PDB file of N, CA and C in Angstrom:
ATOM      1  N   UNK A   1      92.874-131.597 126.403  1.00  0.00           N
ATOM      2  CA  UNK A   1      92.005-131.192 127.491  1.00  0.00           C
ATOM      3  C   UNK A   1      92.115-132.224 128.611  1.00  0.00           C
ATOM      4  N   UNK A   2      92.167-131.709 129.827  1.00  0.00           N
ATOM      5  CA  UNK A   2      92.122-132.563 131.012  1.00  0.00           C
ATOM      6  C   UNK A   2      90.862-132.183 131.776  1.00  0.00           C
ATOM      7  N   UNK A   3      90.371-133.109 132.593  1.00  0.00           N
ATOM      8  CA  UNK A   3      89.277-132.731 133.469  1.00  0.00           C
ATOM      9  C   UNK A   3      89.401-133.434 134.805  1.00  0.00           C
ATOM     10  N   UNK A   4      88.870-132.749 135.812  1.00  0.00           N
ATOM     11  CA  UNK A   4      88.835-133.296 137.168  1.00  0.00           C
ATOM     12  C   UNK A   4      87.432-133.049 137.694  1.00  0.00           C
ATOM     13  N   UNK A   5      87.111-133.715 138.786  1.00  0.00           N
ATOM     14  CA  UNK A   5      85.775-133.513 139.332  1.00  0.00           C
ATOM     15  C   UNK A   5      85.800-133.494 140.852  1.00  0.00           C
ATOM     16  N   UNK A   6      84.775-132.843 141.382  1.00  0.00           N
ATOM     17  CA  UNK A   6      84.587-132.819 142.833  1.00  0.00           C
ATOM     18  C   UNK A   6      83.094-132.759 143.094  1.00  0.00           C
ATOM     19  N   UNK A   7      82.723-133.174 144.277  1.00  0.00           N
ATOM     20  CA  UNK A   7      81.323-133.149 144.681  1.00  0.00           C
ATOM     21  C   UNK A   7      81.105-131.967 145.609  1.00  0.00           C
ATOM     22  N   UNK A   8      80.125-131.124 145.289  1.00  0.00           N
ATOM     23  CA  UNK A   8      79.759-129.982 146.129  1.00  0.00           C
ATOM     24  C   UNK A   8      78.302-130.205 146.521  1.00  0.00           C
ATOM     25  N   UNK A   9      78.092-130.724 147.725  1.00  0.00           N
ATOM     26  CA  UNK A   9      76.744-131.119 148.117  1.00  0.00           C
ATOM     27  C   UNK A   9      76.300-132.267 147.227  1.00  0.00           C
ATOM     28  N   UNK A  10      75.193-132.092 146.523  1.00  0.00           N
ATOM     29  CA  UNK A  10      74.708-133.132 145.609  1.00  0.00           C
ATOM     30  C   UNK A  10      75.065-132.838 144.152  1.00  0.00           C
ATOM     31  N   UNK A  11      75.882-131.805 143.947  1.00  0.00           N
ATOM     32  CA  UNK A  11      76.234-131.375 142.591  1.00  0.00           C
ATOM     33  C   UNK A  11      77.654-131.838 142.251  1.00  0.00           C
ATOM     34  N   UNK A  12      77.803-132.463 141.086  1.00  0.00           N
ATOM     35  CA  UNK A  12      79.127-132.853 140.604  1.00  0.00           C
ATOM     36  C   UNK A  12      79.674-131.700 139.757  1.00  0.00           C
ATOM     37  N   UNK A  13      80.849-131.223 140.129  1.00  0.00           N
ATOM     38  CA  UNK A  13      81.514-130.156 139.378  1.00  0.00           C
ATOM     39  C   UNK A  13      82.648-130.793 138.587  1.00  0.00           C
ATOM     40  N   UNK A  14      82.558-130.673 137.260  1.00  0.00           N
ATOM     41  CA  UNK A  14      83.610-131.170 136.378  1.00  0.00           C
ATOM     42  C   UNK A  14      84.362-129.954 135.856  1.00  0.00           C
ATOM     43  N   UNK A  15      85.633-129.875 136.210  1.00  0.00           N
ATOM     44  CA  UNK A  15      86.470-128.741 135.789  1.00  0.00           C
ATOM     45  C   UNK A  15      87.282-129.149 134.573  1.00  0.00           C
ATOM     46  N   UNK A  16      87.084-128.432 133.487  1.00  0.00           N
ATOM     47  CA  UNK A  16      87.844-128.680 132.265  1.00  0.00           C
ATOM     48  C   UNK A  16      89.063-127.772 132.248  1.00  0.00           C
ATOM     49  N   UNK A  17      90.156-128.263 131.665  1.00  0.00           N
ATOM     50  CA  UNK A  17      91.379-127.467 131.581  1.00  0.00           C
ATOM     51  C   UNK A  17      92.021-127.684 130.216  1.00  0.00           C
ATOM     52  N   UNK A  18      92.410-126.599 129.581  1.00  0.00           N
ATOM     53  CA  UNK A  18      93.032-126.681 128.266  1.00  0.00           C
ATOM     54  C   UNK A  18      92.034-126.312 127.184  1.00  0.00           C
ATOM     55  N   UNK A  19      92.352-126.678 125.951  1.00  0.00           N
ATOM     56  CA  UNK A  19      91.480-126.381 124.821  1.00  0.00           C
ATOM     57  C   UNK A  19      90.431-127.480 124.671  1.00  0.00           C
ATOM     58  N   UNK A  20      89.193-127.083 124.451  1.00  0.00           N
ATOM     59  CA  UNK A  20      88.099-128.039 124.284  1.00  0.00           C
ATOM     60  C   UNK A  20      87.866-128.200 122.785  1.00  0.00           C
ATOM     61  N   UNK A  21      88.309-129.347 122.261  1.00  0.00           N
ATOM     62  CA  UNK A  21      88.321-129.563 120.821  1.00  0.00           C
ATOM     63  C   UNK A  21      87.515-130.792 120.392  1.00  0.00           C
ATOM     64  N   UNK A  22      86.807-131.419 121.323  1.00  0.00           N
ATOM     65  CA  UNK A  22      86.051-132.616 120.955  1.00  0.00           C
ATOM     66  C   UNK A  22      86.986-133.798 120.783  1.00  0.00           C
ATOM     67  N   UNK A  23      86.713-134.676 119.815  1.00  0.00           N
ATOM     68  CA  UNK A  23      87.562-135.839 119.547  1.00  0.00           C
ATOM     69  C   UNK A  23      87.577-136.820 120.700  1.00  0.00           C
ATOM     70  N   UNK A  24      88.759-137.411 120.990  1.00  0.00           N
ATOM     71  CA  UNK A  24      88.854-138.421 122.059  1.00  0.00           C
ATOM     72  C   UNK A  24      88.435-137.872 123.425  1.00  0.00           C
ATOM     73  N   UNK A  25      88.642-136.568 123.635  1.00  0.00           N
ATOM     74  CA  UNK A  25      88.231-135.947 124.904  1.00  0.00           C
ATOM     75  C   UNK A  25      86.727-136.082 125.100  1.00  0.00           C
ATOM     76  N   UNK A  26      85.976-135.966 124.022  1.00  0.00           N
ATOM     77  CA  UNK A  26      84.518-136.081 124.102  1.00  0.00           C
ATOM     78  C   UNK A  26      84.129-137.468 124.594  1.00  0.00           C
ATOM     79  N   UNK A  27      84.815-138.490 124.094  1.00  0.00           N
ATOM     80  CA  UNK A  27      84.512-139.861 124.519  1.00  0.00           C
ATOM     81  C   UNK A  27      84.780-140.059 126.004  1.00  0.00           C
ATOM     82  N   UNK A  28      85.897-139.517 126.493  1.00  0.00           N
ATOM     83  CA  UNK A  28      86.228-139.630 127.915  1.00  0.00           C
ATOM     84  C   UNK A  28      85.175-138.937 128.776  1.00  0.00           C
ATOM     85  N   UNK A  29      84.800-137.722 128.385  1.00  0.00           N
ATOM     86  CA  UNK A  29      83.814-136.966 129.151  1.00  0.00           C
ATOM     87  C   UNK A  29      82.470-137.688 129.151  1.00  0.00           C
ATOM     88  N   UNK A  30      82.043-138.170 128.000  1.00  0.00           N
ATOM     89  CA  UNK A  30      80.748-138.849 127.933  1.00  0.00           C
ATOM     90  C   UNK A  30      80.731-140.156 128.720  1.00  0.00           C
ATOM     91  N   UNK A  31      81.837-140.869 128.716  1.00  0.00           N
ATOM     92  CA  UNK A  31      81.923-142.085 129.524  1.00  0.00           C
ATOM     93  C   UNK A  31      81.750-141.749 130.997  1.00  0.00           C
ATOM     94  N   UNK A  32      82.429-140.695 131.427  1.00  0.00           N
ATOM     95  CA  UNK A  32      82.328-140.290 132.837  1.00  0.00           C
ATOM     96  C   UNK A  32      80.922-139.805 133.163  1.00  0.00           C
ATOM     97  N   UNK A  33      80.299-139.056 132.269  1.00  0.00           N
ATOM     98  CA  UNK A  33      78.930-138.600 132.510  1.00  0.00           C
ATOM     99  C   UNK A  33      77.978-139.778 132.663  1.00  0.00           C
ATOM    100  N   UNK A  34      78.123-140.785 131.808  1.00  0.00           N
ATOM    101  CA  UNK A  34      77.257-141.967 131.911  1.00  0.00           C
ATOM    102  C   UNK A  34      77.453-142.680 133.245  1.00  0.00           C
ATOM    103  N   UNK A  35      78.708-142.754 133.715  1.00  0.00           N
ATOM    104  CA  UNK A  35      78.979-143.366 135.021  1.00  0.00           C
ATOM    105  C   UNK A  35      78.301-142.572 136.138  1.00  0.00           C
ATOM    106  N   UNK A  36      78.415-141.257 136.072  1.00  0.00           N
ATOM    107  CA  UNK A  36      77.798-140.405 137.098  1.00  0.00           C
ATOM    108  C   UNK A  36      76.277-140.566 137.082  1.00  0.00           C
ATOM    109  N   UNK A  37      75.686-140.573 135.895  1.00  0.00           N
ATOM    110  CA  UNK A  37      74.231-140.706 135.786  1.00  0.00           C
ATOM    111  C   UNK A  37      73.774-142.070 136.293  1.00  0.00           C
ATOM    112  N   UNK A  38      74.553-143.115 136.021  1.00  0.00           N
ATOM    113  CA  UNK A  38      74.222-144.457 136.510  1.00  0.00           C
ATOM    114  C   UNK A  38      74.278-144.501 138.045  1.00  0.00           C
ATOM    115  N   UNK A  39      75.117-143.645 138.636  1.00  0.00           N
ATOM    116  CA  UNK A  39      75.222-143.556 140.098  1.00  0.00           C
ATOM    117  C   UNK A  39      74.225-142.551 140.667  1.00  0.00           C
ATOM    118  N   UNK A  40      73.271-142.123 139.838  1.00  0.00           N
ATOM    119  CA  UNK A  40      72.206-141.186 140.223  1.00  0.00           C
ATOM    120  C   UNK A  40      72.725-139.792 140.571  1.00  0.00           C
ATOM    121  N   UNK A  41      73.853-139.419 139.991  1.00  0.00           N
ATOM    122  CA  UNK A  41      74.378-138.052 140.135  1.00  0.00           C
ATOM    123  C   UNK A  41      73.889-137.286 138.911  1.00  0.00           C
ATOM    124  N   UNK A  42      72.830-136.505 139.068  1.00  0.00           N
ATOM    125  CA  UNK A  42      72.168-135.899 137.918  1.00  0.00           C
ATOM    126  C   UNK A  42      72.268-134.387 137.858  1.00  0.00           C
ATOM    127  N   UNK A  43      72.905-133.785 138.848  1.00  0.00           N
ATOM    128  CA  UNK A  43      73.126-132.337 138.830  1.00  0.00           C
ATOM    129  C   UNK A  43      74.604-132.105 138.560  1.00  0.00           C
ATOM    130  N   UNK A  44      74.890-131.548 137.384  1.00  0.00           N
ATOM    131  CA  UNK A  44      76.281-131.433 136.933  1.00  0.00           C
ATOM    132  C   UNK A  44      76.583-130.005 136.491  1.00  0.00           C
ATOM    133  N   UNK A  45      77.712-129.501 136.954  1.00  0.00           N
ATOM    134  CA  UNK A  45      78.214-128.195 136.525  1.00  0.00           C
ATOM    135  C   UNK A  45      79.542-128.428 135.833  1.00  0.00           C
ATOM    136  N   UNK A  46      79.693-127.840 134.658  1.00  0.00           N
ATOM    137  CA  UNK A  46      80.983-127.879 133.971  1.00  0.00           C
ATOM    138  C   UNK A  46      81.642-126.522 134.161  1.00  0.00           C
ATOM    139  N   UNK A  47      82.778-126.546 134.869  1.00  0.00           N
ATOM    140  CA  UNK A  47      83.531-125.325 135.164  1.00  0.00           C
ATOM    141  C   UNK A  47      84.514-125.070 134.015  1.00  0.00           C
ATOM    142  N   UNK A  48      84.322-123.941 133.346  1.00  0.00           N
ATOM    143  CA  UNK A  48      85.141-123.590 132.183  1.00  0.00           C
ATOM    144  C   UNK A  48      86.217-122.557 132.516  1.00  0.00           C
ATOM    145  N   UNK A  49      86.485-122.327 133.795  1.00  0.00           N
ATOM    146  CA  UNK A  49      87.404-121.244 134.178  1.00  0.00           C
ATOM    147  C   UNK A  49      88.817-121.434 133.635  1.00  0.00           C
ATOM    148  N   UNK A  50      89.226-122.682 133.353  1.00  0.00           N
ATOM    149  CA  UNK A  50      90.591-122.928 132.854  1.00  0.00           C
ATOM    150  C   UNK A  50      90.596-123.307 131.376  1.00  0.00           C
ATOM    151  N   UNK A  51      89.506-122.960 130.682  1.00  0.00           N
ATOM    152  CA  UNK A  51      89.416-123.215 129.242  1.00  0.00           C
ATOM    153  C   UNK A  51      89.595-121.890 128.508  1.00  0.00           C
ATOM    154  N   UNK A  52      90.566-121.844 127.613  1.00  0.00           N
ATOM    155  CA  UNK A  52      90.823-120.616 126.861  1.00  0.00           C
ATOM    156  C   UNK A  52      90.251-120.671 125.457  1.00  0.00           C
ATOM    157  N   UNK A  53      90.102-121.876 124.917  1.00  0.00           N
ATOM    158  CA  UNK A  53      89.665-121.998 123.532  1.00  0.00           C
ATOM    159  C   UNK A  53      88.703-123.174 123.387  1.00  0.00           C
ATOM    160  N   UNK A  54      87.666-122.976 122.580  1.00  0.00           N
ATOM    161  CA  UNK A  54      86.723-124.042 122.278  1.00  0.00           C
ATOM    162  C   UNK A  54      86.356-123.898 120.799  1.00  0.00           C
ATOM    163  N   UNK A  55      86.464-124.993 120.055  1.00  0.00           N
ATOM    164  CA  UNK A  55      86.093-124.937 118.642  1.00  0.00           C
ATOM    165  C   UNK A  55      84.687-125.520 118.463  1.00  0.00           C
ATOM    166  N   UNK A  56      84.255-125.658 117.209  1.00  0.00           N
ATOM    167  CA  UNK A  56      82.905-126.155 116.958  1.00  0.00           C
ATOM    168  C   UNK A  56      82.732-127.591 117.442  1.00  0.00           C
ATOM    169  N   UNK A  57      83.779-128.392 117.360  1.00  0.00           N
ATOM    170  CA  UNK A  57      83.688-129.764 117.876  1.00  0.00           C
ATOM    171  C   UNK A  57      83.547-129.753 119.395  1.00  0.00           C
ATOM    172  N   UNK A  58      84.211-128.817 120.046  1.00  0.00           N
ATOM    173  CA  UNK A  58      84.071-128.665 121.492  1.00  0.00           C
ATOM    174  C   UNK A  58      82.660-128.257 121.868  1.00  0.00           C
ATOM    175  N   UNK A  59      82.066-127.350 121.083  1.00  0.00           N
ATOM    176  CA  UNK A  59      80.669-126.960 121.306  1.00  0.00           C
ATOM    177  C   UNK A  59      79.750-128.159 121.120  1.00  0.00           C
ATOM    178  N   UNK A  60      80.036-128.958 120.104  1.00  0.00           N
ATOM    179  CA  UNK A  60      79.253-130.171 119.874  1.00  0.00           C
ATOM    180  C   UNK A  60      79.361-131.133 121.050  1.00  0.00           C
ATOM    181  N   UNK A  61      80.553-131.235 121.608  1.00  0.00           N
ATOM    182  CA  UNK A  61      80.783-132.084 122.775  1.00  0.00           C
ATOM    183  C   UNK A  61      79.940-131.606 123.963  1.00  0.00           C
ATOM    184  N   UNK A  62      79.911-130.287 124.175  1.00  0.00           N
ATOM    185  CA  UNK A  62      79.115-129.732 125.276  1.00  0.00           C
ATOM    186  C   UNK A  62      77.619-129.974 125.044  1.00  0.00           C
ATOM    187  N   UNK A  63      77.171-129.790 123.812  1.00  0.00           N
ATOM    188  CA  UNK A  63      75.759-129.980 123.477  1.00  0.00           C
ATOM    189  C   UNK A  63      75.364-131.444 123.665  1.00  0.00           C
ATOM    190  N   UNK A  64      76.228-132.338 123.243  1.00  0.00           N
ATOM    191  CA  UNK A  64      75.978-133.766 123.415  1.00  0.00           C
ATOM    192  C   UNK A  64      75.937-134.140 124.900  1.00  0.00           C
ATOM    193  N   UNK A  65      76.831-133.543 125.685  1.00  0.00           N
ATOM    194  CA  UNK A  65      76.836-133.789 127.132  1.00  0.00           C
ATOM    195  C   UNK A  65      75.521-133.335 127.755  1.00  0.00           C
ATOM    196  N   UNK A  66      75.054-132.162 127.356  1.00  0.00           N
ATOM    197  CA  UNK A  66      73.784-131.638 127.875  1.00  0.00           C
ATOM    198  C   UNK A  66      72.637-132.580 127.523  1.00  0.00           C
ATOM    199  N   UNK A  67      72.606-133.051 126.287  1.00  0.00           N
ATOM    200  CA  UNK A  67      71.551-133.966 125.844  1.00  0.00           C
ATOM    201  C   UNK A  67      71.591-135.265 126.632  1.00  0.00           C
ATOM    202  N   UNK A  68      72.789-135.820 126.825  1.00  0.00           N
ATOM    203  CA  UNK A  68      72.944-137.060 127.590  1.00  0.00           C
ATOM    204  C   UNK A  68      72.396-136.898 129.004  1.00  0.00           C
ATOM    205  N   UNK A  69      72.763-135.805 129.660  1.00  0.00           N
ATOM    206  CA  UNK A  69      72.343-135.571 131.039  1.00  0.00           C
ATOM    207  C   UNK A  69      70.829-135.340 131.111  1.00  0.00           C
ATOM    208  N   UNK A  70      70.303-134.522 130.223  1.00  0.00           N
ATOM    209  CA  UNK A  70      68.857-134.243 130.250  1.00  0.00           C
ATOM    210  C   UNK A  70      68.031-135.479 129.907  1.00  0.00           C
ATOM    211  N   UNK A  71      68.504-136.310 128.984  1.00  0.00           N
ATOM    212  CA  UNK A  71      67.783-137.531 128.645  1.00  0.00           C
ATOM    213  C   UNK A  71      67.725-138.509 129.815  1.00  0.00           C
ATOM    214  N   UNK A  72      68.657-138.378 130.752  1.00  0.00           N
ATOM    215  CA  UNK A  72      68.683-139.227 131.939  1.00  0.00           C
ATOM    216  C   UNK A  72      67.920-138.591 133.103  1.00  0.00           C
ATOM    217  N   UNK A  73      67.256-137.462 132.833  1.00  0.00           N
ATOM    218  CA  UNK A  73      66.472-136.807 133.880  1.00  0.00           C
ATOM    219  C   UNK A  73      67.251-135.837 134.735  1.00  0.00           C
ATOM    220  N   UNK A  74      68.453-135.471 134.301  1.00  0.00           N
ATOM    221  CA  UNK A  74      69.269-134.533 135.060  1.00  0.00           C
ATOM    222  C   UNK A  74      69.363-133.196 134.351  1.00  0.00           C
ATOM    223  N   UNK A  75      70.299-132.362 134.815  1.00  0.00           N
ATOM    224  CA  UNK A  75      70.542-131.096 134.137  1.00  0.00           C
ATOM    225  C   UNK A  75      72.006-130.724 134.304  1.00  0.00           C
ATOM    226  N   UNK A  76      72.470-129.872 133.405  1.00  0.00           N
ATOM    227  CA  UNK A  76      73.860-129.478 133.346  1.00  0.00           C
ATOM    228  C   UNK A  76      73.932-127.968 133.219  1.00  0.00           C
ATOM    229  N   UNK A  77      74.862-127.376 133.945  1.00  0.00           N
ATOM    230  CA  UNK A  77      75.080-125.930 133.900  1.00  0.00           C
ATOM    231  C   UNK A  77      76.532-125.669 133.511  1.00  0.00           C
ATOM    232  N   UNK A  78      76.777-124.501 132.933  1.00  0.00           N
ATOM    233  CA  UNK A  78      78.137-124.062 132.641  1.00  0.00           C
ATOM    234  C   UNK A  78      78.509-122.945 133.605  1.00  0.00           C
ATOM    235  N   UNK A  79      79.747-122.954 134.071  1.00  0.00           N
ATOM    236  CA  UNK A  79      80.214-121.914 134.994  1.00  0.00           C
ATOM    237  C   UNK A  79      81.521-121.326 134.484  1.00  0.00           C
ATOM    238  N   UNK A  80      81.705-120.052 134.731  1.00  0.00           N
ATOM    239  CA  UNK A  80      82.966-119.340 134.481  1.00  0.00           C
ATOM    240  C   UNK A  80      83.471-119.366 133.047  1.00  0.00           C
ATOM    241  N   UNK A  81      82.608-119.199 132.042  1.00  0.00           N
ATOM    242  CA  UNK A  81      83.162-119.175 130.685  1.00  0.00           C
ATOM    243  C   UNK A  81      83.941-117.876 130.453  1.00  0.00           C
ATOM    244  N   UNK A  82      85.076-117.985 129.774  1.00  0.00           N
ATOM    245  CA  UNK A  82      85.847-116.800 129.396  1.00  0.00           C
ATOM    246  C   UNK A  82      85.027-115.973 128.414  1.00  0.00           C
ATOM    247  N   UNK A  83      85.361-114.699 128.270  1.00  0.00           N
ATOM    248  CA  UNK A  83      84.618-113.819 127.367  1.00  0.00           C
ATOM    249  C   UNK A  83      84.551-114.392 125.949  1.00  0.00           C
ATOM    250  N   UNK A  84      85.644-114.962 125.500  1.00  0.00           N
ATOM    251  CA  UNK A  84      85.704-115.533 124.156  1.00  0.00           C
ATOM    252  C   UNK A  84      84.677-116.672 124.010  1.00  0.00           C
ATOM    253  N   UNK A  85      84.548-117.487 125.031  1.00  0.00           N
ATOM    254  CA  UNK A  85      83.598-118.612 124.983  1.00  0.00           C
ATOM    255  C   UNK A  85      82.168-118.102 125.146  1.00  0.00           C
ATOM    256  N   UNK A  86      81.979-117.093 125.991  1.00  0.00           N
ATOM    257  CA  UNK A  86      80.649-116.470 126.100  1.00  0.00           C
ATOM    258  C   UNK A  86      80.198-115.951 124.741  1.00  0.00           C
ATOM    259  N   UNK A  87      81.092-115.288 124.033  1.00  0.00           N
ATOM    260  CA  UNK A  87      80.768-114.762 122.703  1.00  0.00           C
ATOM    261  C   UNK A  87      80.385-115.888 121.754  1.00  0.00           C
ATOM    262  N   UNK A  88      81.105-116.980 121.818  1.00  0.00           N
ATOM    263  CA  UNK A  88      80.815-118.145 120.986  1.00  0.00           C
ATOM    264  C   UNK A  88      79.413-118.688 121.289  1.00  0.00           C
ATOM    265  N   UNK A  89      79.071-118.743 122.571  1.00  0.00           N
ATOM    266  CA  UNK A  89      77.736-119.220 122.970  1.00  0.00           C
ATOM    267  C   UNK A  89      76.641-118.269 122.475  1.00  0.00           C
ATOM    268  N   UNK A  90      76.924-116.968 122.495  1.00  0.00           N
ATOM    269  CA  UNK A  90      75.944-115.981 122.016  1.00  0.00           C
ATOM    270  C   UNK A  90      75.781-116.081 120.498  1.00  0.00           C
ATOM    271  N   UNK A  91      76.888-116.125 119.779  1.00  0.00           N
ATOM    272  CA  UNK A  91      76.853-116.177 118.313  1.00  0.00           C
ATOM    273  C   UNK A  91      76.095-117.413 117.827  1.00  0.00           C
ATOM    274  N   UNK A  92      76.319-118.541 118.494  1.00  0.00           N
ATOM    275  CA  UNK A  92      75.681-119.798 118.080  1.00  0.00           C
ATOM    276  C   UNK A  92      74.292-119.968 118.694  1.00  0.00           C
ATOM    277  N   UNK A  93      73.879-118.994 119.494  1.00  0.00           N
ATOM    278  CA  UNK A  93      72.602-119.015 120.210  1.00  0.00           C
ATOM    279  C   UNK A  93      72.502-120.156 121.232  1.00  0.00           C
ATOM    280  N   UNK A  94      73.634-120.779 121.547  1.00  0.00           N
ATOM    281  CA  UNK A  94      73.632-121.832 122.567  1.00  0.00           C
ATOM    282  C   UNK A  94      73.491-121.254 123.968  1.00  0.00           C
ATOM    283  N   UNK A  95      73.662-119.939 124.093  1.00  0.00           N
ATOM    284  CA  UNK A  95      73.464-119.292 125.388  1.00  0.00           C
ATOM    285  C   UNK A  95      72.001-119.465 125.834  1.00  0.00           C
ATOM    286  N   UNK A  96      71.104-119.694 124.862  1.00  0.00           N
ATOM    287  CA  UNK A  96      69.690-119.930 125.184  1.00  0.00           C
ATOM    288  C   UNK A  96      69.441-121.381 125.582  1.00  0.00           C
ATOM    289  N   UNK A  97      70.389-122.257 125.287  1.00  0.00           N
ATOM    290  CA  UNK A  97      70.236-123.685 125.567  1.00  0.00           C
ATOM    291  C   UNK A  97      70.897-124.049 126.896  1.00  0.00           C
ATOM    292  N   UNK A  98      72.085-123.506 127.126  1.00  0.00           N
ATOM    293  CA  UNK A  98      72.849-123.821 128.330  1.00  0.00           C
ATOM    294  C   UNK A  98      72.590-122.801 129.430  1.00  0.00           C
ATOM    295  N   UNK A  99      72.155-123.224 130.606  1.00  0.00           N
ATOM    296  CA  UNK A  99      72.166-122.296 131.742  1.00  0.00           C
ATOM    297  C   UNK A  99      73.641-121.982 132.056  1.00  0.00           C
ATOM    298  N   UNK A 100      73.998-120.713 131.989  1.00  0.00           N
ATOM    299  CA  UNK A 100      75.394-120.306 132.139  1.00  0.00           C
ATOM    300  C   UNK A 100      75.522-119.290 133.269  1.00  0.00           C
ATOM    301  N   UNK A 101      76.537-119.483 134.106  1.00  0.00           N
ATOM    302  CA  UNK A 101      76.729-118.636 135.286  1.00  0.00           C
ATOM    303  C   UNK A 101      78.153-118.116 135.326  1.00  0.00           C
ATOM    304  N   UNK A 102      78.307-116.900 135.870  1.00  0.00           N
ATOM    305  CA  UNK A 102      79.624-116.275 135.947  1.00  0.00           C
ATOM    306  C   UNK A 102      80.468-116.788 137.105  1.00  0.00           C
ATOM    307  N   UNK A 103      79.865-117.547 138.008  1.00  0.00           N
ATOM    308  CA  UNK A 103      80.642-118.114 139.112  1.00  0.00           C
ATOM    309  C   UNK A 103      80.223-119.553 139.370  1.00  0.00           C
ATOM    310  N   UNK A 104      81.140-120.306 139.906  1.00  0.00           N
ATOM    311  CA  UNK A 104      80.863-121.699 140.253  1.00  0.00           C
ATOM    312  C   UNK A 104      79.803-121.771 141.351  1.00  0.00           C
ATOM    313  N   UNK A 105      79.908-120.886 142.334  1.00  0.00           N
ATOM    314  CA  UNK A 105      78.935-120.881 143.435  1.00  0.00           C
ATOM    315  C   UNK A 105      77.514-120.650 142.922  1.00  0.00           C
ATOM    316  N   UNK A 106      77.352-119.713 141.987  1.00  0.00           N
ATOM    317  CA  UNK A 106      76.018-119.429 141.440  1.00  0.00           C
ATOM    318  C   UNK A 106      75.486-120.625 140.663  1.00  0.00           C
ATOM    319  N   UNK A 107      76.355-121.289 139.909  1.00  0.00           N
ATOM    320  CA  UNK A 107      75.925-122.454 139.140  1.00  0.00           C
ATOM    321  C   UNK A 107      75.480-123.581 140.063  1.00  0.00           C
ATOM    322  N   UNK A 108      76.260-123.837 141.107  1.00  0.00           N
ATOM    323  CA  UNK A 108      75.904-124.894 142.072  1.00  0.00           C
ATOM    324  C   UNK A 108      74.614-124.532 142.795  1.00  0.00           C
ATOM    325  N   UNK A 109      74.497-123.275 143.222  1.00  0.00           N
ATOM    326  CA  UNK A 109      73.311-122.819 143.955  1.00  0.00           C
ATOM    327  C   UNK A 109      72.051-122.895 143.096  1.00  0.00           C
ATOM    328  N   UNK A 110      72.193-122.827 141.787  1.00  0.00           N
ATOM    329  CA  UNK A 110      71.014-122.832 140.908  1.00  0.00           C
ATOM    330  C   UNK A 110      70.268-124.164 140.949  1.00  0.00           C
ATOM    331  N   UNK A 111      70.880-125.187 141.478  1.00  0.00           N
ATOM    332  CA  UNK A 111      70.211-126.492 141.604  1.00  0.00           C
ATOM    333  C   UNK A 111      69.338-126.574 142.850  1.00  0.00           C
ATOM    334  N   UNK A 112      69.462-125.613 143.764  1.00  0.00           N
ATOM    335  CA  UNK A 112      68.671-125.663 145.005  1.00  0.00           C
ATOM    336  C   UNK A 112      67.310-125.047 144.842  1.00  0.00           C
TER     337      UNK A 112
END
């Protein structure tokens, strides 16, 4: 998995690319989230438009990211999940935990 980021207004958009499998990728993402939170960037959207597969460790990584951000007084949204990932979120009932949007614009706008 690779990730990149951009700032849209006051919202940090982190775009994930590839398979989300947890492991070392989780450590990289969490390190970056802690840096962003330390810089008072607390509105974060994770763009899943280029993610085709996510396993249970990847779901754990997302859940841990959400907890880290919320514990710091921020919030995290998911944008553009593929149908397969949407189904995974529904089956695991995480769709009730993560605010999820079908477009990046809607996810960013939800912070206003």
